[in-house]
């Protein structure tokens, strides 16, 4: 009987999505992606957002592999010794491995 490995990916940008999707190629890995927004921001399309021709977002259901669990929340604390992350909603998610892919952000919405 094979042991399952739980992987948490923090950050739903390009790097986080690619890592999460790639990990689902292994049958013995469970992947949870945690991101504060429910939609993927296509940063290469932000010029279209500014121009008013596109909203530059895609539903995660269209880009995440079926086996990736999406948790829409914000990680407030990483407990490396306890191997879990704490969420703004008050919950926790445990992991065997953690991928920190929060990327960049802006000071303005």
PDB file of N, CA and C in Angstrom:
ATOM      1  N   UNK A   1       0.831  -1.175   0.000  1.00  0.00           N
ATOM      2  CA  UNK A   1       0.000   0.000   0.000  1.00  0.00           C
ATOM      3  C   UNK A   1       0.877   1.239   0.000  1.00  0.00           C
ATOM      4  N   UNK A   2       0.674   2.111  -0.970  1.00  0.00           N
ATOM      5  CA  UNK A   2       1.485   3.316  -1.103  1.00  0.00           C
ATOM      6  C   UNK A   2       0.973   4.406  -0.165  1.00  0.00           C
ATOM      7  N   UNK A   3       1.895   5.159   0.397  1.00  0.00           N
ATOM      8  CA  UNK A   3       1.546   6.261   1.277  1.00  0.00           C
ATOM      9  C   UNK A   3       1.256   7.501   0.442  1.00  0.00           C
ATOM     10  N   UNK A   4       0.240   8.274   0.845  1.00  0.00           N
ATOM     11  CA  UNK A   4      -0.116   9.497   0.136  1.00  0.00           C
ATOM     12  C   UNK A   4       0.697  10.666   0.680  1.00  0.00           C
ATOM     13  N   UNK A   5       1.072  11.588  -0.192  1.00  0.00           N
ATOM     14  CA  UNK A   5       1.807  12.787   0.180  1.00  0.00           C
ATOM     15  C   UNK A   5       0.905  13.992  -0.037  1.00  0.00           C
ATOM     16  N   UNK A   6       0.740  14.815   1.010  1.00  0.00           N
ATOM     17  CA  UNK A   6      -0.071  16.028   0.927  1.00  0.00           C
ATOM     18  C   UNK A   6       0.827  17.224   0.652  1.00  0.00           C
ATOM     19  N   UNK A   7       0.510  17.940  -0.425  1.00  0.00           N
ATOM     20  CA  UNK A   7       1.267  19.134  -0.794  1.00  0.00           C
ATOM     21  C   UNK A   7       0.314  20.326  -0.771  1.00  0.00           C
ATOM     22  N   UNK A   8       0.729  21.391  -0.108  1.00  0.00           N
ATOM     23  CA  UNK A   8      -0.007  22.655  -0.112  1.00  0.00           C
ATOM     24  C   UNK A   8       0.782  23.645  -0.948  1.00  0.00           C
ATOM     25  N   UNK A   9       0.090  24.303  -1.863  1.00  0.00           N
ATOM     26  CA  UNK A   9       0.683  25.361  -2.680  1.00  0.00           C
ATOM     27  C   UNK A   9       0.022  26.662  -2.246  1.00  0.00           C
ATOM     28  N   UNK A  10       0.830  27.602  -1.769  1.00  0.00           N
ATOM     29  CA  UNK A  10       0.310  28.914  -1.402  1.00  0.00           C
ATOM     30  C   UNK A  10       0.577  29.842  -2.578  1.00  0.00           C
ATOM     31  N   UNK A  11      -0.474  30.361  -3.161  1.00  0.00           N
ATOM     32  CA  UNK A  11      -0.350  31.287  -4.289  1.00  0.00           C
ATOM     33  C   UNK A  11      -0.871  30.684  -5.569  1.00  0.00           C
ATOM     34  N   UNK A  12      -1.829  31.361  -6.172  1.00  0.00           N
ATOM     35  CA  UNK A  12      -2.472  30.866  -7.374  1.00  0.00           C
ATOM     36  C   UNK A  12      -2.108  31.626  -8.627  1.00  0.00           C
ATOM     37  N   UNK A  13      -0.863  32.080  -8.712  1.00  0.00           N
ATOM     38  CA  UNK A  13      -0.389  32.709  -9.940  1.00  0.00           C
ATOM     39  C   UNK A  13       0.152  31.651 -10.888  1.00  0.00           C
ATOM     40  N   UNK A  14       0.928  32.089 -11.853  1.00  0.00           N
ATOM     41  CA  UNK A  14       1.462  31.160 -12.852  1.00  0.00           C
ATOM     42  C   UNK A  14       2.282  30.043 -12.213  1.00  0.00           C
ATOM     43  N   UNK A  15       3.201  30.381 -11.309  1.00  0.00           N
ATOM     44  CA  UNK A  15       4.066  29.361 -10.707  1.00  0.00           C
ATOM     45  C   UNK A  15       3.273  28.386  -9.843  1.00  0.00           C
ATOM     46  N   UNK A  16       2.362  28.897  -9.037  1.00  0.00           N
ATOM     47  CA  UNK A  16       1.563  28.044  -8.179  1.00  0.00           C
ATOM     48  C   UNK A  16       0.665  27.096  -8.961  1.00  0.00           C
ATOM     49  N   UNK A  17       0.013  27.615  -9.995  1.00  0.00           N
ATOM     50  CA  UNK A  17      -0.873  26.791 -10.822  1.00  0.00           C
ATOM     51  C   UNK A  17      -0.073  25.712 -11.551  1.00  0.00           C
ATOM     52  N   UNK A  18       1.071  26.088 -12.112  1.00  0.00           N
ATOM     53  CA  UNK A  18       1.882  25.109 -12.829  1.00  0.00           C
ATOM     54  C   UNK A  18       2.395  24.018 -11.885  1.00  0.00           C
ATOM     55  N   UNK A  19       2.838  24.398 -10.695  1.00  0.00           N
ATOM     56  CA  UNK A  19       3.327  23.414  -9.735  1.00  0.00           C
ATOM     57  C   UNK A  19       2.203  22.477  -9.308  1.00  0.00           C
ATOM     58  N   UNK A  20       1.040  23.035  -8.987  1.00  0.00           N
ATOM     59  CA  UNK A  20      -0.094  22.219  -8.552  1.00  0.00           C
ATOM     60  C   UNK A  20      -0.515  21.243  -9.644  1.00  0.00           C
ATOM     61  N   UNK A  21      -0.651  21.735 -10.861  1.00  0.00           N
ATOM     62  CA  UNK A  21      -1.062  20.859 -11.962  1.00  0.00           C
ATOM     63  C   UNK A  21      -0.036  19.767 -12.233  1.00  0.00           C
ATOM     64  N   UNK A  22       1.222  20.110 -12.207  1.00  0.00           N
ATOM     65  CA  UNK A  22       2.279  19.125 -12.468  1.00  0.00           C
ATOM     66  C   UNK A  22       2.286  18.029 -11.411  1.00  0.00           C
ATOM     67  N   UNK A  23       2.057  18.404 -10.166  1.00  0.00           N
ATOM     68  CA  UNK A  23       2.084  17.418  -9.091  1.00  0.00           C
ATOM     69  C   UNK A  23       0.961  16.393  -9.207  1.00  0.00           C
ATOM     70  N   UNK A  24      -0.133  16.734  -9.859  1.00  0.00           N
ATOM     71  CA  UNK A  24      -1.243  15.780  -9.995  1.00  0.00           C
ATOM     72  C   UNK A  24      -0.917  14.655 -10.975  1.00  0.00           C
ATOM     73  N   UNK A  25       0.209  14.734 -11.639  1.00  0.00           N
ATOM     74  CA  UNK A  25       0.620  13.640 -12.513  1.00  0.00           C
ATOM     75  C   UNK A  25       1.019  12.421 -11.696  1.00  0.00           C
ATOM     76  N   UNK A  26       1.255  12.611 -10.415  1.00  0.00           N
ATOM     77  CA  UNK A  26       1.579  11.499  -9.514  1.00  0.00           C
ATOM     78  C   UNK A  26       0.306  11.083  -8.791  1.00  0.00           C
ATOM     79  N   UNK A  27       0.019   9.796  -8.809  1.00  0.00           N
ATOM     80  CA  UNK A  27      -1.191   9.281  -8.162  1.00  0.00           C
ATOM     81  C   UNK A  27      -1.117   9.315  -6.639  1.00  0.00           C
ATOM     82  N   UNK A  28       0.087   9.386  -6.095  1.00  0.00           N
ATOM     83  CA  UNK A  28       0.246   9.332  -4.643  1.00  0.00           C
ATOM     84  C   UNK A  28       0.366  10.713  -3.997  1.00  0.00           C
ATOM     85  N   UNK A  29      -0.044  11.765  -4.720  1.00  0.00           N
ATOM     86  CA  UNK A  29       0.053  13.131  -4.216  1.00  0.00           C
ATOM     87  C   UNK A  29      -1.326  13.782  -4.209  1.00  0.00           C
ATOM     88  N   UNK A  30      -1.661  14.406  -3.084  1.00  0.00           N
ATOM     89  CA  UNK A  30      -2.869  15.214  -2.964  1.00  0.00           C
ATOM     90  C   UNK A  30      -2.424  16.669  -2.904  1.00  0.00           C
ATOM     91  N   UNK A  31      -3.020  17.519  -3.746  1.00  0.00           N
ATOM     92  CA  UNK A  31      -2.594  18.907  -3.854  1.00  0.00           C
ATOM     93  C   UNK A  31      -3.730  19.849  -3.455  1.00  0.00           C
ATOM     94  N   UNK A  32      -3.406  20.792  -2.578  1.00  0.00           N
ATOM     95  CA  UNK A  32      -4.333  21.858  -2.201  1.00  0.00           C
ATOM     96  C   UNK A  32      -3.680  23.179  -2.558  1.00  0.00           C
ATOM     97  N   UNK A  33      -4.359  23.982  -3.375  1.00  0.00           N
ATOM     98  CA  UNK A  33      -3.870  25.311  -3.737  1.00  0.00           C
ATOM     99  C   UNK A  33      -4.672  26.323  -2.931  1.00  0.00           C
ATOM    100  N   UNK A  34      -3.974  27.218  -2.229  1.00  0.00           N
ATOM    101  CA  UNK A  34      -4.627  28.237  -1.405  1.00  0.00           C
ATOM    102  C   UNK A  34      -4.333  29.602  -2.023  1.00  0.00           C
ATOM    103  N   UNK A  35      -5.400  30.343  -2.301  1.00  0.00           N
ATOM    104  CA  UNK A  35      -5.270  31.662  -2.917  1.00  0.00           C
ATOM    105  C   UNK A  35      -6.402  32.553  -2.395  1.00  0.00           C
ATOM    106  N   UNK A  36      -6.130  33.836  -2.145  1.00  0.00           N
ATOM    107  CA  UNK A  36      -7.179  34.698  -1.607  1.00  0.00           C
ATOM    108  C   UNK A  36      -8.279  35.068  -2.611  1.00  0.00           C
ATOM    109  N   UNK A  37      -8.003  34.959  -3.902  1.00  0.00           N
ATOM    110  CA  UNK A  37      -9.008  35.285  -4.925  1.00  0.00           C
ATOM    111  C   UNK A  37      -9.549  34.006  -5.544  1.00  0.00           C
ATOM    112  N   UNK A  38     -10.822  34.003  -5.923  1.00  0.00           N
ATOM    113  CA  UNK A  38     -11.408  32.801  -6.526  1.00  0.00           C
ATOM    114  C   UNK A  38     -11.118  32.660  -8.023  1.00  0.00           C
ATOM    115  N   UNK A  39     -10.428  33.640  -8.590  1.00  0.00           N
ATOM    116  CA  UNK A  39     -10.136  33.608 -10.025  1.00  0.00           C
ATOM    117  C   UNK A  39      -8.650  33.846 -10.266  1.00  0.00           C
ATOM    118  N   UNK A  40      -8.170  33.284 -11.377  1.00  0.00           N
ATOM    119  CA  UNK A  40      -6.777  33.438 -11.809  1.00  0.00           C
ATOM    120  C   UNK A  40      -6.642  34.752 -12.570  1.00  0.00           C
ATOM    121  N   UNK A  41      -5.631  35.549 -12.225  1.00  0.00           N
ATOM    122  CA  UNK A  41      -5.386  36.815 -12.916  1.00  0.00           C
ATOM    123  C   UNK A  41      -4.356  36.582 -14.008  1.00  0.00           C
ATOM    124  N   UNK A  42      -4.776  36.798 -15.249  1.00  0.00           N
ATOM    125  CA  UNK A  42      -3.862  36.670 -16.390  1.00  0.00           C
ATOM    126  C   UNK A  42      -3.083  37.980 -16.526  1.00  0.00           C
ATOM    127  N   UNK A  43      -1.944  38.031 -15.882  1.00  0.00           N
ATOM    128  CA  UNK A  43      -1.176  39.283 -15.856  1.00  0.00           C
ATOM    129  C   UNK A  43      -0.760  39.760 -17.248  1.00  0.00           C
ATOM    130  N   UNK A  44      -0.589  38.827 -18.172  1.00  0.00           N
ATOM    131  CA  UNK A  44      -0.218  39.250 -19.525  1.00  0.00           C
ATOM    132  C   UNK A  44      -1.381  39.931 -20.235  1.00  0.00           C
ATOM    133  N   UNK A  45      -2.575  39.868 -19.658  1.00  0.00           N
ATOM    134  CA  UNK A  45      -3.751  40.520 -20.233  1.00  0.00           C
ATOM    135  C   UNK A  45      -4.155  41.785 -19.478  1.00  0.00           C
ATOM    136  N   UNK A  46      -3.364  42.216 -18.520  1.00  0.00           N
ATOM    137  CA  UNK A  46      -3.734  43.396 -17.738  1.00  0.00           C
ATOM    138  C   UNK A  46      -3.847  44.651 -18.600  1.00  0.00           C
ATOM    139  N   UNK A  47      -3.104  44.704 -19.696  1.00  0.00           N
ATOM    140  CA  UNK A  47      -3.240  45.859 -20.586  1.00  0.00           C
ATOM    141  C   UNK A  47      -4.644  45.905 -21.192  1.00  0.00           C
ATOM    142  N   UNK A  48      -5.270  44.731 -21.387  1.00  0.00           N
ATOM    143  CA  UNK A  48      -6.630  44.689 -21.905  1.00  0.00           C
ATOM    144  C   UNK A  48      -7.630  45.132 -20.836  1.00  0.00           C
ATOM    145  N   UNK A  49      -7.333  44.840 -19.581  1.00  0.00           N
ATOM    146  CA  UNK A  49      -8.175  45.312 -18.488  1.00  0.00           C
ATOM    147  C   UNK A  49      -8.180  46.833 -18.453  1.00  0.00           C
ATOM    148  N   UNK A  50      -6.998  47.419 -18.548  1.00  0.00           N
ATOM    149  CA  UNK A  50      -6.884  48.870 -18.532  1.00  0.00           C
ATOM    150  C   UNK A  50      -7.603  49.486 -19.735  1.00  0.00           C
ATOM    151  N   UNK A  51      -7.509  48.823 -20.887  1.00  0.00           N
ATOM    152  CA  UNK A  51      -8.157  49.316 -22.109  1.00  0.00           C
ATOM    153  C   UNK A  51      -9.644  49.024 -22.175  1.00  0.00           C
ATOM    154  N   UNK A  52     -10.145  48.221 -21.237  1.00  0.00           N
ATOM    155  CA  UNK A  52     -11.572  47.936 -21.195  1.00  0.00           C
ATOM    156  C   UNK A  52     -12.052  46.847 -22.139  1.00  0.00           C
ATOM    157  N   UNK A  53     -11.124  46.086 -22.736  1.00  0.00           N
ATOM    158  CA  UNK A  53     -11.545  45.056 -23.698  1.00  0.00           C
ATOM    159  C   UNK A  53     -11.573  43.639 -23.108  1.00  0.00           C
ATOM    160  N   UNK A  54     -11.103  43.455 -21.868  1.00  0.00           N
ATOM    161  CA  UNK A  54     -11.072  42.133 -21.245  1.00  0.00           C
ATOM    162  C   UNK A  54     -10.982  42.340 -19.741  1.00  0.00           C
ATOM    163  N   UNK A  55     -11.487  41.364 -18.958  1.00  0.00           N
ATOM    164  CA  UNK A  55     -11.402  41.511 -17.504  1.00  0.00           C
ATOM    165  C   UNK A  55     -10.147  40.858 -16.915  1.00  0.00           C
ATOM    166  N   UNK A  56      -9.359  40.174 -17.734  1.00  0.00           N
ATOM    167  CA  UNK A  56      -8.050  39.606 -17.371  1.00  0.00           C
ATOM    168  C   UNK A  56      -8.127  38.556 -16.268  1.00  0.00           C
ATOM    169  N   UNK A  57      -9.285  37.911 -16.072  1.00  0.00           N
ATOM    170  CA  UNK A  57      -9.389  36.848 -15.094  1.00  0.00           C
ATOM    171  C   UNK A  57      -9.998  35.600 -15.725  1.00  0.00           C
ATOM    172  N   UNK A  58      -9.633  34.442 -15.164  1.00  0.00           N
ATOM    173  CA  UNK A  58     -10.125  33.153 -15.638  1.00  0.00           C
ATOM    174  C   UNK A  58     -10.546  32.357 -14.412  1.00  0.00           C
ATOM    175  N   UNK A  59     -11.633  31.641 -14.506  1.00  0.00           N
ATOM    176  CA  UNK A  59     -12.077  30.772 -13.415  1.00  0.00           C
ATOM    177  C   UNK A  59     -11.051  29.652 -13.228  1.00  0.00           C
ATOM    178  N   UNK A  60     -10.678  29.386 -11.977  1.00  0.00           N
ATOM    179  CA  UNK A  60      -9.697  28.329 -11.710  1.00  0.00           C
ATOM    180  C   UNK A  60     -10.153  26.972 -12.221  1.00  0.00           C
ATOM    181  N   UNK A  61     -11.458  26.739 -12.306  1.00  0.00           N
ATOM    182  CA  UNK A  61     -11.956  25.454 -12.808  1.00  0.00           C
ATOM    183  C   UNK A  61     -11.483  25.193 -14.235  1.00  0.00           C
ATOM    184  N   UNK A  62     -11.188  26.240 -14.984  1.00  0.00           N
ATOM    185  CA  UNK A  62     -10.733  26.091 -16.368  1.00  0.00           C
ATOM    186  C   UNK A  62      -9.243  25.787 -16.482  1.00  0.00           C
ATOM    187  N   UNK A  63      -8.465  26.108 -15.456  1.00  0.00           N
ATOM    188  CA  UNK A  63      -7.011  25.948 -15.585  1.00  0.00           C
ATOM    189  C   UNK A  63      -6.389  24.967 -14.594  1.00  0.00           C
ATOM    190  N   UNK A  64      -7.100  24.648 -13.511  1.00  0.00           N
ATOM    191  CA  UNK A  64      -6.544  23.697 -12.547  1.00  0.00           C
ATOM    192  C   UNK A  64      -6.926  22.272 -12.930  1.00  0.00           C
ATOM    193  N   UNK A  65      -6.014  21.358 -12.699  1.00  0.00           N
ATOM    194  CA  UNK A  65      -6.300  19.935 -12.905  1.00  0.00           C
ATOM    195  C   UNK A  65      -7.437  19.522 -11.968  1.00  0.00           C
ATOM    196  N   UNK A  66      -8.197  18.523 -12.384  1.00  0.00           N
ATOM    197  CA  UNK A  66      -9.353  18.075 -11.605  1.00  0.00           C
ATOM    198  C   UNK A  66      -8.993  17.682 -10.174  1.00  0.00           C
ATOM    199  N   UNK A  67      -7.801  17.178  -9.977  1.00  0.00           N
ATOM    200  CA  UNK A  67      -7.410  16.687  -8.649  1.00  0.00           C
ATOM    201  C   UNK A  67      -6.847  17.756  -7.725  1.00  0.00           C
ATOM    202  N   UNK A  68      -6.769  19.003  -8.175  1.00  0.00           N
ATOM    203  CA  UNK A  68      -6.281  20.079  -7.315  1.00  0.00           C
ATOM    204  C   UNK A  68      -7.466  20.638  -6.528  1.00  0.00           C
ATOM    205  N   UNK A  69      -7.328  20.653  -5.212  1.00  0.00           N
ATOM    206  CA  UNK A  69      -8.349  21.263  -4.354  1.00  0.00           C
ATOM    207  C   UNK A  69      -8.030  22.737  -4.206  1.00  0.00           C
ATOM    208  N   UNK A  70      -8.989  23.590  -4.530  1.00  0.00           N
ATOM    209  CA  UNK A  70      -8.809  25.041  -4.388  1.00  0.00           C
ATOM    210  C   UNK A  70      -9.438  25.487  -3.082  1.00  0.00           C
ATOM    211  N   UNK A  71      -8.648  26.185  -2.263  1.00  0.00           N
ATOM    212  CA  UNK A  71      -9.150  26.801  -1.040  1.00  0.00           C
ATOM    213  C   UNK A  71      -9.010  28.300  -1.216  1.00  0.00           C
ATOM    214  N   UNK A  72     -10.132  28.997  -1.238  1.00  0.00           N
ATOM    215  CA  UNK A  72     -10.116  30.450  -1.384  1.00  0.00           C
ATOM    216  C   UNK A  72     -10.051  31.043   0.019  1.00  0.00           C
ATOM    217  N   UNK A  73      -8.859  31.458   0.385  1.00  0.00           N
ATOM    218  CA  UNK A  73      -8.599  31.987   1.723  1.00  0.00           C
ATOM    219  C   UNK A  73      -7.203  32.595   1.711  1.00  0.00           C
ATOM    220  N   UNK A  74      -6.830  33.219   2.802  1.00  0.00           N
ATOM    221  CA  UNK A  74      -5.495  33.804   2.947  1.00  0.00           C
ATOM    222  C   UNK A  74      -4.732  33.068   4.031  1.00  0.00           C
ATOM    223  N   UNK A  75      -3.510  32.674   3.731  1.00  0.00           N
ATOM    224  CA  UNK A  75      -2.652  32.051   4.740  1.00  0.00           C
ATOM    225  C   UNK A  75      -2.100  33.155   5.629  1.00  0.00           C
ATOM    226  N   UNK A  76      -2.344  33.036   6.928  1.00  0.00           N
ATOM    227  CA  UNK A  76      -1.875  34.044   7.875  1.00  0.00           C
ATOM    228  C   UNK A  76      -0.624  33.608   8.629  1.00  0.00           C
ATOM    229  N   UNK A  77      -0.377  32.294   8.642  1.00  0.00           N
ATOM    230  CA  UNK A  77       0.787  31.797   9.379  1.00  0.00           C
ATOM    231  C   UNK A  77       1.187  30.435   8.839  1.00  0.00           C
ATOM    232  N   UNK A  78       2.483  30.240   8.718  1.00  0.00           N
ATOM    233  CA  UNK A  78       3.029  28.938   8.352  1.00  0.00           C
ATOM    234  C   UNK A  78       3.695  28.359   9.597  1.00  0.00           C
ATOM    235  N   UNK A  79       3.224  27.206  10.029  1.00  0.00           N
ATOM    236  CA  UNK A  79       3.825  26.502  11.159  1.00  0.00           C
ATOM    237  C   UNK A  79       4.677  25.382  10.581  1.00  0.00           C
ATOM    238  N   UNK A  80       5.935  25.688  10.323  1.00  0.00           N
ATOM    239  CA  UNK A  80       6.826  24.709   9.682  1.00  0.00           C
ATOM    240  C   UNK A  80       7.044  23.490  10.571  1.00  0.00           C
ATOM    241  N   UNK A  81       7.194  23.703  11.874  1.00  0.00           N
ATOM    242  CA  UNK A  81       7.420  22.575  12.782  1.00  0.00           C
ATOM    243  C   UNK A  81       6.192  21.672  12.868  1.00  0.00           C
ATOM    244  N   UNK A  82       5.016  22.273  12.853  1.00  0.00           N
ATOM    245  CA  UNK A  82       3.778  21.508  12.940  1.00  0.00           C
ATOM    246  C   UNK A  82       3.250  21.046  11.592  1.00  0.00           C
ATOM    247  N   UNK A  83       3.919  21.501  10.522  1.00  0.00           N
ATOM    248  CA  UNK A  83       3.544  21.148   9.146  1.00  0.00           C
ATOM    249  C   UNK A  83       2.079  21.447   8.832  1.00  0.00           C
ATOM    250  N   UNK A  84       1.700  22.709   9.104  1.00  0.00           N
ATOM    251  CA  UNK A  84       0.378  23.158   8.704  1.00  0.00           C
ATOM    252  C   UNK A  84       0.397  24.677   8.507  1.00  0.00           C
ATOM    253  N   UNK A  85      -0.589  25.154   7.778  1.00  0.00           N
ATOM    254  CA  UNK A  85      -0.764  26.590   7.594  1.00  0.00           C
ATOM    255  C   UNK A  85      -2.066  26.995   8.259  1.00  0.00           C
ATOM    256  N   UNK A  86      -2.082  28.210   8.794  1.00  0.00           N
ATOM    257  CA  UNK A  86      -3.288  28.753   9.402  1.00  0.00           C
ATOM    258  C   UNK A  86      -3.922  29.727   8.423  1.00  0.00           C
ATOM    259  N   UNK A  87      -5.250  29.695   8.357  1.00  0.00           N
ATOM    260  CA  UNK A  87      -5.996  30.505   7.400  1.00  0.00           C
ATOM    261  C   UNK A  87      -6.703  31.665   8.096  1.00  0.00           C
ATOM    262  N   UNK A  88      -6.967  32.729   7.351  1.00  0.00           N
ATOM    263  CA  UNK A  88      -7.667  33.890   7.885  1.00  0.00           C
ATOM    264  C   UNK A  88      -9.058  33.515   8.387  1.00  0.00           C
ATOM    265  N   UNK A  89      -9.656  32.499   7.787  1.00  0.00           N
ATOM    266  CA  UNK A  89     -10.994  32.052   8.188  1.00  0.00           C
ATOM    267  C   UNK A  89     -10.978  31.304   9.520  1.00  0.00           C
ATOM    268  N   UNK A  90      -9.790  30.984  10.016  1.00  0.00           N
ATOM    269  CA  UNK A  90      -9.658  30.278  11.284  1.00  0.00           C
ATOM    270  C   UNK A  90      -9.304  28.819  11.140  1.00  0.00           C
ATOM    271  N   UNK A  91      -9.354  28.267   9.949  1.00  0.00           N
ATOM    272  CA  UNK A  91      -9.018  26.867   9.735  1.00  0.00           C
ATOM    273  C   UNK A  91      -7.533  26.648   9.587  1.00  0.00           C
ATOM    274  N   UNK A  92      -7.172  25.381   9.481  1.00  0.00           N
ATOM    275  CA  UNK A  92      -5.782  25.002   9.214  1.00  0.00           C
ATOM    276  C   UNK A  92      -5.773  23.945   8.123  1.00  0.00           C
ATOM    277  N   UNK A  93      -4.658  23.881   7.404  1.00  0.00           N
ATOM    278  CA  UNK A  93      -4.465  22.859   6.380  1.00  0.00           C
ATOM    279  C   UNK A  93      -3.087  22.251   6.622  1.00  0.00           C
ATOM    280  N   UNK A  94      -3.054  20.937   6.787  1.00  0.00           N
ATOM    281  CA  UNK A  94      -1.794  20.248   7.016  1.00  0.00           C
ATOM    282  C   UNK A  94      -1.105  19.878   5.716  1.00  0.00           C
ATOM    283  N   UNK A  95       0.190  19.634   5.810  1.00  0.00           N
ATOM    284  CA  UNK A  95       0.960  19.286   4.612  1.00  0.00           C
ATOM    285  C   UNK A  95       2.175  18.444   4.964  1.00  0.00           C
ATOM    286  N   UNK A  96       2.630  17.705   3.962  1.00  0.00           N
ATOM    287  CA  UNK A  96       3.928  17.048   4.042  1.00  0.00           C
ATOM    288  C   UNK A  96       4.994  17.934   3.410  1.00  0.00           C
ATOM    289  N   UNK A  97       4.581  18.615   2.305  1.00  0.00           N
ATOM    290  CA  UNK A  97       5.462  19.550   1.609  1.00  0.00           C
ATOM    291  C   UNK A  97       4.688  20.824   1.324  1.00  0.00           C
ATOM    292  N   UNK A  98       5.392  21.959   1.355  1.00  0.00           N
ATOM    293  CA  UNK A  98       4.791  23.260   1.122  1.00  0.00           C
ATOM    294  C   UNK A  98       5.507  23.957  -0.023  1.00  0.00           C
ATOM    295  N   UNK A  99       4.738  24.501  -0.953  1.00  0.00           N
ATOM    296  CA  UNK A  99       5.301  25.311  -2.029  1.00  0.00           C
ATOM    297  C   UNK A  99       4.802  26.737  -1.804  1.00  0.00           C
ATOM    298  N   UNK A 100       5.739  27.655  -1.635  1.00  0.00           N
ATOM    299  CA  UNK A 100       5.426  29.060  -1.381  1.00  0.00           C
ATOM    300  C   UNK A 100       5.602  29.819  -2.681  1.00  0.00           C
ATOM    301  N   UNK A 101       4.492  30.135  -3.335  1.00  0.00           N
ATOM    302  CA  UNK A 101       4.533  30.767  -4.662  1.00  0.00           C
ATOM    303  C   UNK A 101       3.617  31.983  -4.700  1.00  0.00           C
ATOM    304  N   UNK A 102       3.818  32.894  -3.738  1.00  0.00           N
ATOM    305  CA  UNK A 102       2.900  34.023  -3.636  1.00  0.00           C
ATOM    306  C   UNK A 102       3.139  35.114  -4.672  1.00  0.00           C
ATOM    307  N   UNK A 103       4.276  35.098  -5.328  1.00  0.00           N
ATOM    308  CA  UNK A 103       4.514  36.054  -6.401  1.00  0.00           C
ATOM    309  C   UNK A 103       4.632  37.488  -5.925  1.00  0.00           C
ATOM    310  N   UNK A 104       4.178  38.383  -6.768  1.00  0.00           N
ATOM    311  CA  UNK A 104       4.279  39.803  -6.471  1.00  0.00           C
ATOM    312  C   UNK A 104       2.887  40.407  -6.312  1.00  0.00           C
ATOM    313  N   UNK A 105       2.854  41.601  -5.801  1.00  0.00           N
ATOM    314  CA  UNK A 105       1.574  42.293  -5.631  1.00  0.00           C
ATOM    315  C   UNK A 105       1.767  43.780  -5.758  1.00  0.00           C
ATOM    316  N   UNK A 106       0.657  44.471  -5.731  1.00  0.00           N
ATOM    317  CA  UNK A 106       0.676  45.918  -5.840  1.00  0.00           C
ATOM    318  C   UNK A 106       0.144  46.521  -4.556  1.00  0.00           C
ATOM    319  N   UNK A 107       0.597  47.708  -4.241  1.00  0.00           N
ATOM    320  CA  UNK A 107       0.088  48.401  -3.065  1.00  0.00           C
ATOM    321  C   UNK A 107      -1.307  48.958  -3.320  1.00  0.00           C
ATOM    322  N   UNK A 108      -1.714  49.023  -4.574  1.00  0.00           N
ATOM    323  CA  UNK A 108      -3.026  49.547  -4.945  1.00  0.00           C
ATOM    324  C   UNK A 108      -3.852  48.449  -5.587  1.00  0.00           C
ATOM    325  N   UNK A 109      -5.155  48.430  -5.279  1.00  0.00           N
ATOM    326  CA  UNK A 109      -6.011  47.382  -5.897  1.00  0.00           C
ATOM    327  C   UNK A 109      -6.157  47.556  -7.397  1.00  0.00           C
TER     328      UNK A 109
END
